[in-house]
Amino acid sequence: MKTTLTPTDAVGFITARESNARTYARTFDAMFTRGSLSKIWDAQGREYIDLLACAGALPLGHNHPYVMDHVNAFLGSGQVLQGLDMATPAKLEFIEQLWQTLPTRFSQECRIQFCGPTGSDAVEAALKLFKTVTGRQSVIAFHGAYHGMTSGSLALMGNLGPKTPVGGVQGNVHFFPYPSDSHCMFGIGGAEGEALALRYLDNALGDPESGITKPALILLEPVQGEGGCIPASANWLRGLRDVTQRHDIPLVMDEVQTGFGRTGHMFAHEVADIVPDAIVMSKALGGGFPLAALAYHQRYDRWLPGAHAGTFRGNQIALAAGAATMRYLRMHGLPARATACGAYLEQRLRALSGSLPCIGEIRGRGLMLGMDIRSPQGDGGPADGALARRIKRACFEHGVIVETGGRHGAVMRFLPALTITEREIDEAVERIGKAMGACLDRAPSDASVAA
């Protein structure tokens, strides 16, 4: 049915019927009708530079022609559109491409479980698998972690906001320090803070009086995303791998947001040259279509048939798009390009800090960057989530899509398509600078942005 509503009325129509749990639409309240690579347009023809890329799920940007050619070819081929977990040509091509994309030492003895179409479901699969194999029940996660919104994955979240109102969230999860200069629980940061965090974990695992039972797995993001774009160093990741091996604990890397070239390596943990026991994948895995999977060493493949099932596991369109995306990432060296473009974006953001006192630490890896927003009063003021929200809204008004996250929601997060150009970065940062400048001139009572 063709609607006669104006774009503004259409947004209002949707808003009046969607739940109060919606998030992105509270800031980006437009009717988006078209997208091409790093740009999208609303129903009124206004252009936006997209530095979010659907939270990293669009590694090549909107409607990349290489991916869309493969999707259209698949749709016109007459192949099955849904296949449960049965063998199909799309699955064959996808697995062949994935095995060429995964780190070689990992893929040599690898198994894959296709999950429901979200990263949360792949995390749930990891919990089931390693609890089954080890016979243990506890799990170790890290401060600042984000692993999804389903019951088991929610229990692993560092952010208390979404989990506090929910009763019955899975227990037996123990949280340990994630290395960070800004949020070091030991007040030290740097290499010494990392060493203390590893020693603390090692001691807890080896101490019969620690009160912590031996866990079924340790799960972490090699670069925390929602936690504020905090990268773990190669040294700390190597130290963690050593601790888990000495204590015989499976190490699972959540690469849902960091995987497939985002951080300058095909997978973020490769910076440390380590081999985890399992990798959780989603977002970019499907090339813009819903797909999630758990890949793990074959020695753990001891769960029973039906232990993790679901109708939409291995969405066929996503398999076709994901295979094309992985091929393109390798052919065009996009992980290395993410390193170069990420360095350029970071340089341009740092250039803003001289004239904008609200900019704090800028950190991340590749094209996964975070910028702390501080109260502009005084030198290095406290984190200012309210100001960050106003800046996010102002960026939208200036034609740039960015997101906030981290502690107190005070981190501007940048996850652009890996195909973004330097010219687009220049244009986006110029708009961001104008938006931030305008925002600092506003009264703190500005309530145009919802939390």
Protein backbone atom coordinates (compact mmCIF):
# COMPACT_ATOMS: atom_id res chain seq x y z
CA MET A 1 0.00 0.00 0.00
CA LYS A 2 1.43 3.37 -0.99
CA THR A 3 1.36 5.85 1.86
CA THR A 4 0.27 9.46 1.43
CA LEU A 5 1.88 10.56 4.69
CA THR A 6 4.52 13.26 4.64
CA PRO A 7 8.01 12.11 5.75
CA THR A 8 7.53 13.81 9.12
CA ASP A 9 4.11 12.24 9.62
CA ALA A 10 5.46 8.85 8.51
CA VAL A 11 8.17 9.00 11.18
CA GLY A 12 5.51 9.95 13.73
CA PHE A 13 3.29 7.06 12.57
CA ILE A 14 6.13 4.57 13.10
CA THR A 15 7.18 6.11 16.42
CA ALA A 16 3.63 5.93 17.79
CA ARG A 17 3.56 2.18 17.14
CA GLU A 18 7.08 1.08 18.01
CA SER A 19 8.06 0.22 21.54
CA ASN A 20 9.71 2.51 24.05
CA ALA A 21 12.82 0.33 23.81
CA ARG A 22 13.86 1.78 20.45
CA THR A 23 17.17 3.63 20.61
CA TYR A 24 18.76 4.95 17.41
CA ALA A 25 15.50 6.43 16.10
CA ARG A 26 15.36 8.79 19.08
CA THR A 27 18.27 10.77 17.65
CA PHE A 28 18.07 9.94 13.96
CA ASP A 29 14.39 10.82 13.54
CA ALA A 30 14.16 10.90 9.75
CA MET A 31 12.74 8.60 7.09
CA PHE A 32 15.82 7.18 5.36
CA THR A 33 15.05 6.13 1.82
CA ARG A 34 18.35 5.58 0.03
CA GLY A 35 21.96 4.61 0.76
CA SER A 36 25.17 4.36 -1.22
CA LEU A 37 28.45 3.33 0.43
CA SER A 38 29.18 5.94 3.15
CA LYS A 39 26.18 8.16 2.48
CA ILE A 40 22.46 7.92 3.10
CA TRP A 41 19.58 10.22 2.17
CA ASP A 42 16.27 10.89 3.84
CA ALA A 43 12.87 11.28 2.23
CA GLN A 44 13.42 15.00 1.85
CA GLY A 45 16.63 14.44 -0.11
CA ARG A 46 19.01 15.47 2.66
CA GLU A 47 22.42 13.79 2.61
CA TYR A 48 24.16 12.31 5.64
CA ILE A 49 27.68 10.90 5.97
CA ASP A 50 27.25 7.63 7.84
CA LEU A 51 30.01 7.02 10.39
CA LEU A 52 28.04 4.25 12.10
CA ALA A 53 27.47 1.78 9.22
CA CYS A 54 24.67 0.00 11.08
CA ALA A 55 26.92 -0.46 14.14
CA GLY A 56 29.61 -1.95 11.90
CA ALA A 57 27.32 -4.42 10.12
CA LEU A 58 27.96 -2.76 6.73
CA PRO A 59 31.73 -3.22 6.22
CA LEU A 60 31.53 -2.10 2.59
CA GLY A 61 28.85 0.50 3.17
CA HIS A 62 25.29 0.74 1.90
CA ASN A 63 24.40 -1.18 -1.26
CA HIS A 64 27.95 -1.88 -2.36
CA PRO A 65 27.67 -2.88 -6.04
CA TYR A 66 29.90 -5.96 -5.70
CA VAL A 67 27.77 -7.37 -2.89
CA MET A 68 24.47 -6.39 -4.47
CA ASP A 69 25.44 -8.05 -7.77
CA HIS A 70 25.97 -11.32 -5.91
CA VAL A 71 22.76 -10.92 -3.91
CA ASN A 72 20.72 -10.20 -7.04
CA ALA A 73 22.32 -13.14 -8.84
CA PHE A 74 21.39 -15.38 -5.92
CA LEU A 75 17.81 -14.10 -5.81
CA GLY A 76 17.44 -14.77 -9.53
CA SER A 77 18.99 -18.24 -9.38
CA GLY A 78 15.99 -20.12 -8.05
CA GLN A 79 17.96 -21.46 -5.09
CA VAL A 80 16.15 -22.07 -1.82
CA LEU A 81 15.67 -18.91 0.25
CA GLN A 82 15.55 -20.77 3.56
CA GLY A 83 17.24 -24.09 4.17
CA LEU A 84 17.28 -24.74 7.93
CA ASP A 85 20.76 -26.25 8.42
CA MET A 86 20.79 -28.31 5.22
CA ALA A 87 23.55 -28.18 2.62
CA THR A 88 23.08 -25.58 -0.14
CA PRO A 89 25.32 -24.00 -2.81
CA ALA A 90 25.22 -20.71 -0.87
CA LYS A 91 26.45 -22.44 2.28
CA LEU A 92 29.24 -24.20 0.38
CA GLU A 93 30.51 -20.93 -1.11
CA PHE A 94 30.25 -19.16 2.23
CA ILE A 95 32.21 -21.82 4.14
CA GLU A 96 34.91 -21.86 1.47
CA GLN A 97 35.28 -18.09 1.74
CA LEU A 98 35.19 -18.09 5.54
CA TRP A 99 37.90 -20.74 5.77
CA GLN A 100 40.12 -18.57 3.56
CA THR A 101 39.40 -15.54 5.74
CA LEU A 102 39.81 -17.02 9.22
CA PRO A 103 43.37 -17.09 10.66
CA THR A 104 45.08 -20.15 9.19
CA ARG A 105 46.16 -21.70 12.48
CA PHE A 106 42.59 -21.43 13.74
CA SER A 107 40.80 -22.64 10.61
CA GLN A 108 42.94 -25.79 10.22
CA GLU A 109 41.01 -27.57 12.98
CA CYS A 110 37.80 -25.59 13.03
CA ARG A 111 34.08 -26.34 13.22
CA ILE A 112 31.25 -23.86 12.72
CA GLN A 113 27.79 -23.57 14.25
CA PHE A 114 25.41 -21.31 12.35
CA CYS A 115 23.24 -19.50 14.85
CA GLY A 116 20.16 -17.32 14.85
CA PRO A 117 20.76 -14.06 13.02
CA THR A 118 22.18 -12.04 15.93
CA GLY A 119 25.49 -11.95 17.73
CA SER A 120 23.65 -12.53 21.00
CA ASP A 121 22.56 -15.96 19.82
CA ALA A 122 26.13 -16.87 18.89
CA VAL A 123 27.21 -15.88 22.42
CA GLU A 124 24.44 -18.10 23.80
CA ALA A 125 25.79 -20.94 21.65
CA ALA A 126 29.27 -20.42 23.10
CA LEU A 127 27.88 -20.59 26.63
CA LYS A 128 26.04 -23.83 25.86
CA LEU A 129 28.97 -25.46 24.08
CA PHE A 130 31.66 -24.81 26.65
CA LYS A 131 29.44 -25.55 29.64
CA THR A 132 28.56 -28.84 27.96
CA VAL A 133 32.14 -29.76 27.16
CA THR A 134 33.77 -28.70 30.41
CA GLY A 135 30.96 -29.60 32.80
CA ARG A 136 31.54 -26.24 34.51
CA GLN A 137 28.94 -23.54 35.11
CA SER A 138 30.67 -20.23 35.82
CA VAL A 139 31.86 -17.72 33.22
CA ILE A 140 34.42 -14.91 33.35
CA ALA A 141 33.75 -11.64 31.53
CA PHE A 142 35.26 -8.16 31.85
CA HIS A 143 34.32 -4.73 33.11
CA GLY A 144 32.85 -2.69 30.25
CA ALA A 145 31.84 -5.78 28.27
CA TYR A 146 28.98 -5.94 25.80
CA HIS A 147 27.94 -9.33 24.39
CA GLY A 148 24.28 -8.90 23.51
CA MET A 149 20.79 -8.54 24.93
CA THR A 150 19.48 -12.09 25.38
CA SER A 151 19.38 -13.60 28.86
CA GLY A 152 22.75 -15.34 28.92
CA SER A 153 24.61 -12.63 27.01
CA LEU A 154 22.98 -9.89 29.11
CA ALA A 155 24.45 -11.48 32.21
CA LEU A 156 27.91 -10.91 30.71
CA MET A 157 27.33 -7.18 30.18
CA GLY A 158 29.28 -4.64 32.14
CA ASN A 159 26.67 -1.87 31.75
CA LEU A 160 24.20 -2.13 34.63
CA GLY A 161 21.47 -0.08 32.92
CA PRO A 162 19.86 -2.76 30.72
CA LYS A 163 20.25 -5.63 33.22
CA THR A 164 19.26 -4.01 36.52
CA PRO A 165 15.48 -3.96 35.81
CA VAL A 166 15.45 -7.58 34.60
CA GLY A 167 14.99 -10.24 37.24
CA GLY A 168 16.38 -13.71 36.79
CA VAL A 169 19.41 -12.78 34.68
CA GLN A 170 21.80 -15.70 34.68
CA GLY A 171 24.21 -15.68 37.59
CA ASN A 172 27.60 -17.26 38.17
CA VAL A 173 29.37 -14.63 36.07
CA HIS A 174 32.55 -13.09 37.47
CA PHE A 175 33.85 -9.76 36.14
CA PHE A 176 37.54 -8.88 35.98
CA PRO A 177 39.40 -5.69 34.97
CA TYR A 178 39.78 -4.93 31.28
CA PRO A 179 43.01 -2.99 30.62
CA SER A 180 42.41 0.72 30.13
CA ASP A 181 44.42 3.84 30.80
CA SER A 182 41.23 5.82 31.45
CA HIS A 183 39.42 3.28 33.62
CA CYS A 184 42.18 1.26 35.28
CA MET A 185 40.75 -0.03 38.54
CA PHE A 186 44.26 0.04 40.01
CA GLY A 187 44.67 3.72 39.15
CA ILE A 188 47.83 3.04 37.17
CA GLY A 189 47.08 2.25 33.53
CA GLY A 190 49.72 1.42 30.96
CA ALA A 191 51.82 -1.72 30.97
CA GLU A 192 51.90 -1.87 34.78
CA GLY A 193 48.10 -1.74 34.97
CA GLU A 194 47.88 -4.53 32.39
CA ALA A 195 50.33 -6.66 34.36
CA LEU A 196 48.33 -6.17 37.58
CA ALA A 197 45.08 -7.10 35.82
CA LEU A 198 46.63 -10.34 34.55
CA ARG A 199 48.15 -11.12 37.95
CA TYR A 200 44.81 -10.49 39.64
CA LEU A 201 43.05 -12.91 37.28
CA ASP A 202 45.80 -15.51 37.54
CA ASN A 203 45.76 -15.40 41.32
CA ALA A 204 41.97 -15.68 41.49
CA LEU A 205 42.00 -18.74 39.24
CA GLY A 206 44.74 -20.43 41.23
CA ASP A 207 43.61 -19.53 44.75
CA PRO A 208 41.43 -22.21 46.40
CA GLU A 209 40.03 -19.47 48.66
CA SER A 210 39.11 -17.03 45.86
CA GLY A 211 35.46 -18.06 45.94
CA ILE A 212 35.44 -18.41 42.15
CA THR A 213 34.84 -21.84 40.69
CA LYS A 214 36.79 -22.80 37.60
CA PRO A 215 34.94 -21.26 34.65
CA ALA A 216 33.64 -22.95 31.53
CA LEU A 217 35.10 -20.15 29.43
CA ILE A 218 36.55 -16.66 29.45
CA LEU A 219 34.84 -14.34 26.97
CA LEU A 220 36.11 -10.96 25.81
CA GLU A 221 36.10 -8.39 23.04
CA PRO A 222 39.66 -7.74 21.78
CA VAL A 223 38.51 -4.13 21.36
CA GLN A 224 35.55 -3.19 23.52
CA GLY A 225 32.85 -1.55 21.42
CA GLU A 226 29.86 -0.39 23.45
CA GLY A 227 32.24 -0.10 26.40
CA GLY A 228 33.88 2.91 24.73
CA CYS A 229 36.20 1.67 21.94
CA ILE A 230 38.87 0.43 24.33
CA PRO A 231 41.57 -1.72 22.66
CA ALA A 232 43.39 -4.44 24.54
CA SER A 233 47.10 -4.41 23.81
CA ALA A 234 48.85 -7.27 22.07
CA ASN A 235 50.91 -7.92 25.21
CA TRP A 236 47.83 -8.19 27.41
CA LEU A 237 46.07 -10.51 24.97
CA ARG A 238 49.15 -12.75 24.85
CA GLY A 239 49.29 -12.75 28.63
CA LEU A 240 45.62 -13.67 28.85
CA ARG A 241 46.10 -16.53 26.41
CA ASP A 242 48.95 -17.80 28.59
CA VAL A 243 46.82 -17.62 31.75
CA THR A 244 43.91 -19.48 30.14
CA GLN A 245 46.18 -22.21 28.80
CA ARG A 246 47.89 -22.76 32.14
CA HIS A 247 44.53 -23.04 33.89
CA ASP A 248 42.91 -25.10 31.10
CA ILE A 249 40.13 -22.59 30.41
CA PRO A 250 38.72 -22.05 26.89
CA LEU A 251 39.30 -18.52 25.59
CA VAL A 252 36.49 -17.17 23.41
CA MET A 253 36.91 -14.00 21.34
CA ASP A 254 33.78 -11.96 20.70
CA GLU A 255 34.58 -10.55 17.25
CA VAL A 256 30.99 -9.53 16.48
CA GLN A 257 31.93 -5.87 16.02
CA THR A 258 35.70 -6.16 15.55
CA GLY A 259 35.81 -8.90 12.92
CA PHE A 260 36.38 -8.71 9.17
CA GLY A 261 38.91 -5.93 8.79
CA ARG A 262 37.41 -3.37 11.16
CA THR A 263 40.52 -2.90 13.33
CA GLY A 264 43.23 -3.30 10.68
CA HIS A 265 43.43 -7.07 10.94
CA MET A 266 40.85 -9.44 9.56
CA PHE A 267 40.17 -10.33 13.22
CA ALA A 268 41.19 -8.02 16.03
CA HIS A 269 42.87 -10.68 18.18
CA GLU A 270 45.39 -11.29 15.36
CA VAL A 271 47.31 -8.24 16.58
CA ALA A 272 48.62 -10.52 19.35
CA ASP A 273 49.34 -13.54 17.12
CA ILE A 274 47.36 -15.84 19.40
CA VAL A 275 44.95 -18.69 18.64
CA PRO A 276 41.73 -18.60 20.68
CA ASP A 277 39.54 -21.62 21.29
CA ALA A 278 36.51 -20.03 19.66
CA ILE A 279 35.41 -16.91 17.77
CA VAL A 280 31.94 -15.38 17.94
CA MET A 281 30.95 -13.64 14.68
CA SER A 282 28.04 -11.58 13.37
CA LYS A 283 27.46 -8.04 11.97
CA ALA A 284 29.93 -7.85 9.03
CA LEU A 285 29.79 -11.65 8.67
CA GLY A 286 26.60 -11.39 6.59
CA GLY A 287 27.73 -8.50 4.40
CA GLY A 288 24.83 -6.35 5.56
CA PHE A 289 22.31 -9.16 6.02
CA PRO A 290 21.48 -10.94 9.32
CA LEU A 291 23.93 -13.75 10.09
CA ALA A 292 25.78 -15.05 13.14
CA ALA A 293 28.06 -18.01 13.80
CA LEU A 294 30.30 -19.61 16.38
CA ALA A 295 33.57 -21.09 15.11
CA TYR A 296 35.56 -23.29 17.49
CA HIS A 297 38.30 -25.91 17.67
CA GLN A 298 37.05 -29.33 16.66
CA ARG A 299 38.09 -30.90 19.98
CA TYR A 300 35.15 -29.12 21.59
CA ASP A 301 32.58 -30.46 19.11
CA ARG A 302 30.98 -32.74 21.67
CA TRP A 303 27.46 -31.38 22.06
CA LEU A 304 24.50 -33.41 20.84
CA PRO A 305 22.40 -32.87 17.69
CA GLY A 306 19.83 -30.16 18.33
CA ALA A 307 21.80 -28.65 21.21
CA HIS A 308 21.52 -25.25 19.53
CA ALA A 309 18.81 -25.01 16.89
CA GLY A 310 16.73 -22.34 15.16
CA THR A 311 14.72 -21.93 11.96
CA PHE A 312 16.70 -19.02 10.55
CA ARG A 313 20.20 -20.29 11.17
CA GLY A 314 22.37 -19.63 8.12
CA ASN A 315 20.13 -17.20 6.26
CA GLN A 316 20.75 -17.97 2.59
CA ILE A 317 20.79 -14.36 1.35
CA ALA A 318 23.25 -13.46 4.11
CA LEU A 319 25.44 -16.41 3.13
CA ALA A 320 25.62 -15.11 -0.44
CA ALA A 321 26.30 -11.52 0.69
CA GLY A 322 28.80 -12.60 3.32
CA ALA A 323 30.78 -14.74 0.88
CA ALA A 324 30.98 -11.84 -1.57
CA THR A 325 32.02 -9.43 1.19
CA MET A 326 34.82 -11.67 2.45
CA ARG A 327 36.13 -12.11 -1.08
CA TYR A 328 36.10 -8.35 -1.62
CA LEU A 329 37.81 -7.64 1.72
CA ARG A 330 40.71 -9.91 0.77
CA MET A 331 40.96 -8.86 -2.90
CA HIS A 332 41.16 -5.17 -2.06
CA GLY A 333 43.23 -5.34 1.13
CA LEU A 334 40.60 -3.57 3.22
CA PRO A 335 42.06 -4.48 6.64
CA ALA A 336 45.23 -2.54 5.74
CA ARG A 337 43.08 0.24 4.35
CA ALA A 338 41.20 0.39 7.67
CA THR A 339 44.53 1.01 9.41
CA ALA A 340 45.43 3.87 7.07
CA CYS A 341 41.98 5.47 7.04
CA GLY A 342 41.63 5.02 10.79
CA ALA A 343 44.92 6.83 11.36
CA TYR A 344 43.75 9.63 9.08
CA LEU A 345 40.39 9.94 10.88
CA GLU A 346 42.14 9.95 14.26
CA GLN A 347 44.53 12.66 13.05
CA ARG A 348 41.65 14.83 11.87
CA LEU A 349 39.76 14.35 15.14
CA ARG A 350 42.85 15.25 17.17
CA ALA A 351 43.16 18.46 15.16
CA LEU A 352 39.77 19.49 16.53
CA SER A 353 40.84 19.15 20.15
CA GLY A 354 42.91 22.34 20.15
CA SER A 355 39.83 24.50 19.73
CA LEU A 356 37.27 22.25 21.43
CA PRO A 357 38.04 21.77 25.13
CA CYS A 358 35.38 19.08 25.53
CA ILE A 359 37.45 16.51 23.60
CA GLY A 360 39.27 14.05 25.83
CA GLU A 361 41.11 10.85 24.95
CA ILE A 362 40.84 9.54 21.39
CA ARG A 363 41.53 5.83 21.11
CA GLY A 364 40.74 2.65 19.23
CA ARG A 365 42.18 0.61 16.41
CA GLY A 366 41.68 0.90 12.67
CA LEU A 367 38.25 2.25 11.80
CA MET A 368 36.88 1.58 15.28
CA LEU A 369 37.53 4.79 17.20
CA GLY A 370 36.16 6.44 20.31
CA MET A 371 36.46 10.03 21.51
CA ASP A 372 35.79 10.91 25.15
CA ILE A 373 33.57 13.92 25.73
CA ARG A 374 34.46 15.86 28.87
CA SER A 375 32.90 18.81 30.58
CA PRO A 376 34.56 21.85 28.98
CA GLN A 377 34.85 23.61 32.33
CA GLY A 378 38.39 23.27 33.60
CA ASP A 379 41.21 21.09 32.32
CA GLY A 380 40.24 17.47 31.75
CA GLY A 381 36.79 17.73 33.31
CA PRO A 382 34.58 14.74 34.14
CA ALA A 383 32.89 12.60 31.50
CA ASP A 384 29.84 14.45 30.22
CA GLY A 385 27.20 12.12 28.79
CA ALA A 386 24.61 14.87 28.46
CA LEU A 387 26.98 16.93 26.32
CA ALA A 388 27.84 13.86 24.24
CA ARG A 389 24.15 13.33 23.52
CA ARG A 390 23.74 16.95 22.48
CA ILE A 391 26.77 16.65 20.22
CA LYS A 392 25.39 13.46 18.66
CA ARG A 393 22.14 15.27 17.87
CA ALA A 394 23.99 18.31 16.56
CA CYS A 395 26.08 16.08 14.29
CA PHE A 396 22.87 14.63 12.88
CA GLU A 397 21.57 18.14 12.25
CA HIS A 398 24.82 18.88 10.39
CA GLY A 399 24.46 15.72 8.28
CA VAL A 400 26.66 13.17 10.08
CA ILE A 401 25.55 9.91 11.72
CA VAL A 402 27.60 9.05 14.82
CA GLU A 403 26.78 7.13 17.99
CA THR A 404 27.61 7.41 21.67
CA GLY A 405 28.57 4.72 24.16
CA GLY A 406 31.04 3.96 26.92
CA ARG A 407 30.78 4.87 30.57
CA HIS A 408 28.10 7.50 31.23
CA GLY A 409 27.39 7.45 27.47
CA ALA A 410 30.18 10.00 27.09
CA VAL A 411 32.14 8.46 24.19
CA MET A 412 31.55 9.44 20.58
CA ARG A 413 31.93 6.24 18.55
CA PHE A 414 33.08 6.03 14.93
CA LEU A 415 32.47 2.86 12.89
CA PRO A 416 32.41 3.99 9.24
CA ALA A 417 32.43 1.69 6.24
CA LEU A 418 35.89 0.37 5.40
CA THR A 419 35.43 1.90 1.95
CA ILE A 420 35.15 5.48 3.24
CA THR A 421 37.37 7.97 1.40
CA GLU A 422 39.67 10.62 2.86
CA ARG A 423 37.52 13.26 1.21
CA GLU A 424 34.45 11.92 3.03
CA ILE A 425 36.42 11.86 6.29
CA ASP A 426 37.45 15.49 5.74
CA GLU A 427 33.87 16.52 5.06
CA ALA A 428 32.53 14.56 8.05
CA VAL A 429 35.09 15.97 10.50
CA GLU A 430 34.43 19.49 9.26
CA ARG A 431 30.73 19.00 9.97
CA ILE A 432 31.49 17.44 13.35
CA GLY A 433 33.65 20.41 14.31
CA LYS A 434 30.87 22.82 13.42
CA ALA A 435 28.33 20.71 15.32
CA MET A 436 30.51 20.56 18.43
CA GLY A 437 31.23 24.28 18.29
CA ALA A 438 27.54 25.06 18.02
CA CYS A 439 26.77 22.65 20.83
CA LEU A 440 29.24 24.27 23.23
CA ASP A 441 27.42 27.57 22.70
CA ARG A 442 24.12 26.05 23.80
CA ALA A 443 22.81 26.14 27.33
CA PRO A 444 23.15 22.89 29.26
CA SER A 445 19.37 22.81 29.59
CA ASP A 446 19.02 21.94 25.89
CA ALA A 447 16.66 18.97 25.97
CA SER A 448 16.42 18.31 22.23
CA VAL A 449 18.11 14.93 22.59
CA ALA A 450 16.58 11.99 24.40
CA ALA A 451 18.83 9.90 26.60
